[in-house]
Amino acid sequence: MDGECVYCGAIGPITRDHVPPKGIFSEPRPDNLITVPACSQCHNSDVSKDDEYFRLILQVREEIHKHPDALKSYPALLRSLTRPQKAGMMNAFLKSIFLADLVTPSGIFIKKQLAIQTDMNRLRKVVTRILKGLFYYHREYRLPDGYDALVFDERSVQEWPPANLAEFSKNFIQPLLAHDGVTLGNNVFTYRFGFNKSDLNTTCWIFEFYGQARFLGLTLPPEK
């Protein structure tokens, strides 16, 4: 079937891409998962590897690993990682584990604990794809060329200048959080979004995975 890719705009044969990746849901998966049209170039094996990495990093987070869907997914996740063709991913994951200091907010040392050196660029790449996919799902057209899709994880948002963060939180983040979001699965994925009434392509999104991990997404004209 031919159509337009929501990511690059190419016209031609398309497949259906799940947003968010279906792998973050345990089986049996929800029957209301969202799919969008994507070309083979934008929906390839490298994308699948990023999706697997995204699921792995989220599900081993301390505040997430006991989530019911994460617990149900572990057997399949472990089987996947022990396959010979996944040796590279397993070795990279093991090498990313290190001992880190656990300290109080005031800087007092508590203990040593295992931590994972995370490639946040790969995580943001997956969330950027989710942002573009959900924009298409709700707008029924792809994000216009010339608009930027920006994604921030919790840490990078906290690094904004305090005045900017306080103003943005008051005007955008808190109003969005005050409303119920759209939830898929057993609290596996929830999203909220709002838009600029004078420019419907300028949007703000909050993505939440497993009730814990949050990302902020923005679509903006380049001059913004």
C-alpha atoms as a PDB file:
ATOM      1  CA  MET A   1       0.000   0.000   0.000  1.00  0.00           C
ATOM      2  CA  ASP A   2       1.271   3.468  -0.876  1.00  0.00           C
ATOM      3  CA  GLY A   3       1.002   6.532   1.329  1.00  0.00           C
ATOM      4  CA  GLU A   4       2.972   9.345   2.961  1.00  0.00           C
ATOM      5  CA  CYS A   5       5.564   8.622   5.667  1.00  0.00           C
ATOM      6  CA  VAL A   6       4.768  10.665   8.777  1.00  0.00           C
ATOM      7  CA  TYR A   7       8.473  11.069   9.558  1.00  0.00           C
ATOM      8  CA  CYS A   8      10.172  12.053   6.308  1.00  0.00           C
ATOM      9  CA  GLY A   9       7.229  12.794   4.003  1.00  0.00           C
ATOM     10  CA  ALA A  10       8.261  10.244   1.361  1.00  0.00           C
ATOM     11  CA  ILE A  11       5.436   9.044  -0.883  1.00  0.00           C
ATOM     12  CA  GLY A  12       5.421   5.345  -1.725  1.00  0.00           C
ATOM     13  CA  PRO A  13       5.089   1.922  -0.103  1.00  0.00           C
ATOM     14  CA  ILE A  14       4.466   2.209   3.646  1.00  0.00           C
ATOM     15  CA  THR A  15       4.270  -0.006   6.709  1.00  0.00           C
ATOM     16  CA  ARG A  16       2.573   0.683  10.042  1.00  0.00           C
ATOM     17  CA  ASP A  17       4.750   1.904  12.924  1.00  0.00           C
ATOM     18  CA  HIS A  18       3.563   1.644  16.537  1.00  0.00           C
ATOM     19  CA  VAL A  19       3.708   4.824  18.637  1.00  0.00           C
ATOM     20  CA  PRO A  20       4.850   4.201  21.270  1.00  0.00           C
ATOM     21  CA  PRO A  21       6.798   1.006  20.392  1.00  0.00           C
ATOM     22  CA  LYS A  22       4.602  -2.011  21.092  1.00  0.00           C
ATOM     23  CA  GLY A  23       7.464  -3.769  22.900  1.00  0.00           C
ATOM     24  CA  ILE A  24       6.958  -1.658  26.040  1.00  0.00           C
ATOM     25  CA  PHE A  25       3.588  -3.395  26.574  1.00  0.00           C
ATOM     26  CA  SER A  26       3.411  -6.924  27.974  1.00  0.00           C
ATOM     27  CA  GLU A  27       1.376  -9.577  26.213  1.00  0.00           C
ATOM     28  CA  PRO A  28      -1.515  -9.761  25.641  1.00  0.00           C
ATOM     29  CA  ARG A  29      -1.090  -6.239  24.357  1.00  0.00           C
ATOM     30  CA  PRO A  30      -3.886  -3.637  24.489  1.00  0.00           C
ATOM     31  CA  ASP A  31      -6.199  -3.587  21.491  1.00  0.00           C
ATOM     32  CA  ASN A  32      -6.080   0.202  21.174  1.00  0.00           C
ATOM     33  CA  LEU A  33      -2.405   0.634  20.262  1.00  0.00           C
ATOM     34  CA  ILE A  34      -1.733   3.485  17.842  1.00  0.00           C
ATOM     35  CA  THR A  35      -0.051   2.961  14.477  1.00  0.00           C
ATOM     36  CA  VAL A  36       0.983   5.489  11.830  1.00  0.00           C
ATOM     37  CA  PRO A  37       2.251   5.134   8.234  1.00  0.00           C
ATOM     38  CA  ALA A  38       6.019   4.953   7.827  1.00  0.00           C
ATOM     39  CA  CYS A  39       8.350   4.181   4.940  1.00  0.00           C
ATOM     40  CA  SER A  40      10.871   1.333   5.121  1.00  0.00           C
ATOM     41  CA  GLN A  41      13.750   3.812   5.519  1.00  0.00           C
ATOM     42  CA  CYS A  42      12.201   5.291   8.674  1.00  0.00           C
ATOM     43  CA  HIS A  43      10.970   1.937  10.017  1.00  0.00           C
ATOM     44  CA  ASN A  44      14.058  -0.252   9.771  1.00  0.00           C
ATOM     45  CA  SER A  45      16.230  -2.532  11.913  1.00  0.00           C
ATOM     46  CA  ASP A  46      18.110   0.413  13.464  1.00  0.00           C
ATOM     47  CA  VAL A  47      14.795   1.832  14.663  1.00  0.00           C
ATOM     48  CA  SER A  48      13.900  -1.560  16.156  1.00  0.00           C
ATOM     49  CA  LYS A  49      17.234  -1.632  18.000  1.00  0.00           C
ATOM     50  CA  ASP A  50      16.561   1.815  19.448  1.00  0.00           C
ATOM     51  CA  ASP A  51      13.097   0.632  20.524  1.00  0.00           C
ATOM     52  CA  GLU A  52      14.608  -2.391  22.288  1.00  0.00           C
ATOM     53  CA  TYR A  53      17.190  -0.207  23.998  1.00  0.00           C
ATOM     54  CA  PHE A  54      14.456   2.188  25.087  1.00  0.00           C
ATOM     55  CA  ARG A  55      12.411  -0.644  26.626  1.00  0.00           C
ATOM     56  CA  LEU A  56      15.455  -2.147  28.338  1.00  0.00           C
ATOM     57  CA  ILE A  57      16.654   1.098  29.917  1.00  0.00           C
ATOM     58  CA  LEU A  58      13.194   2.070  31.153  1.00  0.00           C
ATOM     59  CA  GLN A  59      12.290  -1.338  32.556  1.00  0.00           C
ATOM     60  CA  VAL A  60      15.467  -1.687  34.623  1.00  0.00           C
ATOM     61  CA  ARG A  61      15.039   1.716  36.268  1.00  0.00           C
ATOM     62  CA  GLU A  62      14.676   1.320  40.025  1.00  0.00           C
ATOM     63  CA  GLU A  63      11.312   3.066  40.178  1.00  0.00           C
ATOM     64  CA  ILE A  64       9.928   1.089  37.216  1.00  0.00           C
ATOM     65  CA  HIS A  65      11.266  -2.478  37.401  1.00  0.00           C
ATOM     66  CA  LYS A  66       8.426  -3.614  39.701  1.00  0.00           C
ATOM     67  CA  HIS A  67       5.667  -2.223  37.484  1.00  0.00           C
ATOM     68  CA  PRO A  68       3.325  -5.136  36.567  1.00  0.00           C
ATOM     69  CA  ASP A  69       3.975  -4.819  32.835  1.00  0.00           C
ATOM     70  CA  ALA A  70       7.729  -4.620  33.361  1.00  0.00           C
ATOM     71  CA  LEU A  71       7.652  -7.771  35.510  1.00  0.00           C
ATOM     72  CA  LYS A  72       5.611  -9.630  32.888  1.00  0.00           C
ATOM     73  CA  SER A  73       8.001  -8.513  30.132  1.00  0.00           C
ATOM     74  CA  TYR A  74      11.241  -9.679  31.788  1.00  0.00           C
ATOM     75  CA  PRO A  75      11.158 -13.299  30.509  1.00  0.00           C
ATOM     76  CA  ALA A  76      10.715 -12.140  26.897  1.00  0.00           C
ATOM     77  CA  LEU A  77      13.327  -9.418  27.391  1.00  0.00           C
ATOM     78  CA  LEU A  78      15.878 -11.883  28.771  1.00  0.00           C
ATOM     79  CA  ARG A  79      15.188 -14.386  25.977  1.00  0.00           C
ATOM     80  CA  SER A  80      15.753 -11.617  23.453  1.00  0.00           C
ATOM     81  CA  LEU A  81      19.041 -10.513  24.999  1.00  0.00           C
ATOM     82  CA  THR A  82      20.435 -14.055  25.132  1.00  0.00           C
ATOM     83  CA  ARG A  83      19.971 -14.652  21.405  1.00  0.00           C
ATOM     84  CA  PRO A  84      23.310 -14.848  19.536  1.00  0.00           C
ATOM     85  CA  GLN A  85      22.346 -11.960  17.252  1.00  0.00           C
ATOM     86  CA  LYS A  86      21.812  -9.767  20.326  1.00  0.00           C
ATOM     87  CA  ALA A  87      25.287 -10.403  21.782  1.00  0.00           C
ATOM     88  CA  GLY A  88      26.393  -6.878  20.890  1.00  0.00           C
ATOM     89  CA  MET A  89      23.487  -5.277  22.740  1.00  0.00           C
ATOM     90  CA  MET A  90      24.017  -7.508  25.776  1.00  0.00           C
ATOM     91  CA  ASN A  91      27.752  -6.735  25.930  1.00  0.00           C
ATOM     92  CA  ALA A  92      27.119  -2.995  25.556  1.00  0.00           C
ATOM     93  CA  PHE A  93      24.511  -3.127  28.302  1.00  0.00           C
ATOM     94  CA  LEU A  94      26.823  -4.990  30.701  1.00  0.00           C
ATOM     95  CA  LYS A  95      29.639  -2.535  30.019  1.00  0.00           C
ATOM     96  CA  SER A  96      27.321   0.374  30.822  1.00  0.00           C
ATOM     97  CA  ILE A  97      26.785  -0.840  34.419  1.00  0.00           C
ATOM     98  CA  PHE A  98      28.955   0.865  37.039  1.00  0.00           C
ATOM     99  CA  LEU A  99      29.084   1.641  40.746  1.00  0.00           C
ATOM    100  CA  ALA A 100      27.800   5.093  41.628  1.00  0.00           C
ATOM    101  CA  ASP A 101      27.520   7.062  44.847  1.00  0.00           C
ATOM    102  CA  LEU A 102      24.038   7.408  46.296  1.00  0.00           C
ATOM    103  CA  VAL A 103      23.854  10.740  48.103  1.00  0.00           C
ATOM    104  CA  THR A 104      21.186  12.825  49.792  1.00  0.00           C
ATOM    105  CA  PRO A 105      20.005  16.092  48.150  1.00  0.00           C
ATOM    106  CA  SER A 106      22.432  17.909  50.460  1.00  0.00           C
ATOM    107  CA  GLY A 107      25.350  15.794  49.217  1.00  0.00           C
ATOM    108  CA  ILE A 108      25.764  13.362  52.131  1.00  0.00           C
ATOM    109  CA  PHE A 109      27.054   9.957  50.985  1.00  0.00           C
ATOM    110  CA  ILE A 110      24.705   7.038  51.690  1.00  0.00           C
ATOM    111  CA  LYS A 111      26.124   4.032  49.868  1.00  0.00           C
ATOM    112  CA  LYS A 112      27.462   2.657  46.617  1.00  0.00           C
ATOM    113  CA  GLN A 113      24.875   1.298  44.202  1.00  0.00           C
ATOM    114  CA  LEU A 114      24.724  -0.090  40.681  1.00  0.00           C
ATOM    115  CA  ALA A 115      23.848   2.422  37.980  1.00  0.00           C
ATOM    116  CA  ILE A 116      23.623   2.411  34.193  1.00  0.00           C
ATOM    117  CA  GLN A 117      25.353   4.826  31.853  1.00  0.00           C
ATOM    118  CA  THR A 118      22.436   5.693  29.586  1.00  0.00           C
ATOM    119  CA  ASP A 119      22.610   6.965  26.024  1.00  0.00           C
ATOM    120  CA  MET A 120      19.960   9.667  26.365  1.00  0.00           C
ATOM    121  CA  ASN A 121      20.267  10.581  22.690  1.00  0.00           C
ATOM    122  CA  ARG A 122      18.873   7.148  21.786  1.00  0.00           C
ATOM    123  CA  LEU A 123      16.008   7.531  24.245  1.00  0.00           C
ATOM    124  CA  ARG A 124      15.151  11.003  22.941  1.00  0.00           C
ATOM    125  CA  LYS A 125      15.281   9.686  19.364  1.00  0.00           C
ATOM    126  CA  VAL A 126      12.552   7.166  20.205  1.00  0.00           C
ATOM    127  CA  VAL A 127      10.431   9.795  21.967  1.00  0.00           C
ATOM    128  CA  THR A 128      10.867  12.197  19.037  1.00  0.00           C
ATOM    129  CA  ARG A 129       9.407   9.534  16.781  1.00  0.00           C
ATOM    130  CA  ILE A 130       6.499   9.115  19.208  1.00  0.00           C
ATOM    131  CA  LEU A 131       5.970  12.884  19.183  1.00  0.00           C
ATOM    132  CA  LYS A 132       5.837  13.049  15.389  1.00  0.00           C
ATOM    133  CA  GLY A 133       3.619   9.985  15.205  1.00  0.00           C
ATOM    134  CA  LEU A 134       1.095  11.290  17.727  1.00  0.00           C
ATOM    135  CA  PHE A 135       1.104  14.712  16.056  1.00  0.00           C
ATOM    136  CA  TYR A 136       0.022  12.969  12.847  1.00  0.00           C
ATOM    137  CA  TYR A 137      -2.509  10.799  14.700  1.00  0.00           C
ATOM    138  CA  HIS A 138      -4.281  13.823  16.172  1.00  0.00           C
ATOM    139  CA  ARG A 139      -3.781  16.341  13.355  1.00  0.00           C
ATOM    140  CA  GLU A 140      -4.188  13.863  10.472  1.00  0.00           C
ATOM    141  CA  TYR A 141      -1.192  15.366   8.694  1.00  0.00           C
ATOM    142  CA  ARG A 142       2.528  15.179   9.349  1.00  0.00           C
ATOM    143  CA  LEU A 143       4.418  17.913  11.167  1.00  0.00           C
ATOM    144  CA  PRO A 144       5.066  20.514   8.440  1.00  0.00           C
ATOM    145  CA  ASP A 145       8.577  20.937   7.113  1.00  0.00           C
ATOM    146  CA  GLY A 146      10.314  23.815   8.847  1.00  0.00           C
ATOM    147  CA  TYR A 147       8.975  22.930  12.298  1.00  0.00           C
ATOM    148  CA  ASP A 148      11.298  21.434  14.886  1.00  0.00           C
ATOM    149  CA  ALA A 149      10.347  18.473  17.093  1.00  0.00           C
ATOM    150  CA  LEU A 150      12.237  18.885  20.380  1.00  0.00           C
ATOM    151  CA  VAL A 151      12.348  16.358  23.224  1.00  0.00           C
ATOM    152  CA  PHE A 152      13.683  16.859  26.758  1.00  0.00           C
ATOM    153  CA  ASP A 153      14.117  14.268  29.477  1.00  0.00           C
ATOM    154  CA  GLU A 154      13.561  15.143  33.136  1.00  0.00           C
ATOM    155  CA  ARG A 155      17.196  16.024  33.756  1.00  0.00           C
ATOM    156  CA  SER A 156      17.611  18.267  30.729  1.00  0.00           C
ATOM    157  CA  VAL A 157      14.437  20.191  31.659  1.00  0.00           C
ATOM    158  CA  GLN A 158      15.841  20.823  35.131  1.00  0.00           C
ATOM    159  CA  GLU A 159      18.936  22.350  33.505  1.00  0.00           C
ATOM    160  CA  TRP A 160      16.886  25.189  31.983  1.00  0.00           C
ATOM    161  CA  PRO A 161      17.505  28.628  33.538  1.00  0.00           C
ATOM    162  CA  PRO A 162      15.343  28.749  36.706  1.00  0.00           C
ATOM    163  CA  ALA A 163      13.286  31.728  35.544  1.00  0.00           C
ATOM    164  CA  ASN A 164      12.528  30.118  32.183  1.00  0.00           C
ATOM    165  CA  LEU A 165      11.641  26.802  33.808  1.00  0.00           C
ATOM    166  CA  ALA A 166       9.343  28.417  36.368  1.00  0.00           C
ATOM    167  CA  GLU A 167       7.504  30.410  33.695  1.00  0.00           C
ATOM    168  CA  PHE A 168       7.200  27.461  31.323  1.00  0.00           C
ATOM    169  CA  SER A 169       6.002  25.168  34.101  1.00  0.00           C
ATOM    170  CA  LYS A 170       3.351  27.666  35.199  1.00  0.00           C
ATOM    171  CA  ASN A 171       2.061  28.395  31.698  1.00  0.00           C
ATOM    172  CA  PHE A 172       2.306  24.969  30.069  1.00  0.00           C
ATOM    173  CA  ILE A 173       3.383  21.996  32.185  1.00  0.00           C
ATOM    174  CA  GLN A 174       1.107  22.491  35.190  1.00  0.00           C
ATOM    175  CA  PRO A 175      -2.038  23.171  33.099  1.00  0.00           C
ATOM    176  CA  LEU A 176      -1.387  19.978  31.110  1.00  0.00           C
ATOM    177  CA  LEU A 177      -0.813  17.896  34.242  1.00  0.00           C
ATOM    178  CA  ALA A 178      -4.075  19.198  35.695  1.00  0.00           C
ATOM    179  CA  HIS A 179      -6.013  17.289  33.024  1.00  0.00           C
ATOM    180  CA  ASP A 180      -6.386  13.551  32.527  1.00  0.00           C
ATOM    181  CA  GLY A 181      -4.154  12.199  29.827  1.00  0.00           C
ATOM    182  CA  VAL A 182      -4.682   9.465  27.250  1.00  0.00           C
ATOM    183  CA  THR A 183      -3.493   6.170  28.735  1.00  0.00           C
ATOM    184  CA  LEU A 184      -2.615   2.994  26.843  1.00  0.00           C
ATOM    185  CA  GLY A 185      -2.269  -0.302  28.658  1.00  0.00           C
ATOM    186  CA  ASN A 186      -1.951  -0.746  32.401  1.00  0.00           C
ATOM    187  CA  ASN A 187      -0.585   2.753  33.012  1.00  0.00           C
ATOM    188  CA  VAL A 188       2.272   1.863  30.660  1.00  0.00           C
ATOM    189  CA  PHE A 189       2.028   4.995  28.531  1.00  0.00           C
ATOM    190  CA  THR A 190       0.169   8.238  29.137  1.00  0.00           C
ATOM    191  CA  TYR A 191       0.352  11.418  27.101  1.00  0.00           C
ATOM    192  CA  ARG A 192      -1.075  14.909  27.347  1.00  0.00           C
ATOM    193  CA  PHE A 193      -0.836  17.710  24.832  1.00  0.00           C
ATOM    194  CA  GLY A 194      -1.883  21.266  24.171  1.00  0.00           C
ATOM    195  CA  PHE A 195      -1.456  23.662  21.278  1.00  0.00           C
ATOM    196  CA  ASN A 196      -1.069  27.310  20.462  1.00  0.00           C
ATOM    197  CA  LYS A 197      -4.471  28.583  19.265  1.00  0.00           C
ATOM    198  CA  SER A 198      -2.795  31.007  16.881  1.00  0.00           C
ATOM    199  CA  ASP A 199      -0.641  28.232  15.377  1.00  0.00           C
ATOM    200  CA  LEU A 200      -2.007  24.682  15.677  1.00  0.00           C
ATOM    201  CA  ASN A 201       1.368  23.260  14.646  1.00  0.00           C
ATOM    202  CA  THR A 202       3.029  24.690  17.772  1.00  0.00           C
ATOM    203  CA  THR A 203       2.354  22.085  20.441  1.00  0.00           C
ATOM    204  CA  CYS A 204       3.469  20.949  23.897  1.00  0.00           C
ATOM    205  CA  TRP A 205       3.411  17.304  25.025  1.00  0.00           C
ATOM    206  CA  ILE A 206       4.077  15.409  28.239  1.00  0.00           C
ATOM    207  CA  PHE A 207       4.862  11.708  27.834  1.00  0.00           C
ATOM    208  CA  GLU A 208       4.877   9.362  30.828  1.00  0.00           C
ATOM    209  CA  PHE A 209       6.051   5.746  30.776  1.00  0.00           C
ATOM    210  CA  TYR A 210       5.110   3.225  33.465  1.00  0.00           C
ATOM    211  CA  GLY A 211       3.733   6.041  35.618  1.00  0.00           C
ATOM    212  CA  GLN A 212       7.263   7.353  36.266  1.00  0.00           C
ATOM    213  CA  ALA A 213       9.590   8.297  33.412  1.00  0.00           C
ATOM    214  CA  ARG A 214       8.561  11.605  31.875  1.00  0.00           C
ATOM    215  CA  PHE A 215       9.631  13.428  28.723  1.00  0.00           C
ATOM    216  CA  LEU A 216       8.619  16.846  27.449  1.00  0.00           C
ATOM    217  CA  GLY A 217       7.995  17.345  23.738  1.00  0.00           C
ATOM    218  CA  LEU A 218       7.619  20.571  21.761  1.00  0.00           C
ATOM    219  CA  THR A 219       6.906  21.334  18.122  1.00  0.00           C
ATOM    220  CA  LEU A 220       8.038  24.828  17.217  1.00  0.00           C
ATOM    221  CA  PRO A 221       8.737  27.010  14.199  1.00  0.00           C
ATOM    222  CA  PRO A 222      12.523  27.331  13.731  1.00  0.00           C
ATOM    223  CA  GLU A 223      12.590  30.991  14.810  1.00  0.00           C
ATOM    224  CA  LYS A 224      11.209  29.986  18.243  1.00  0.00           C
END
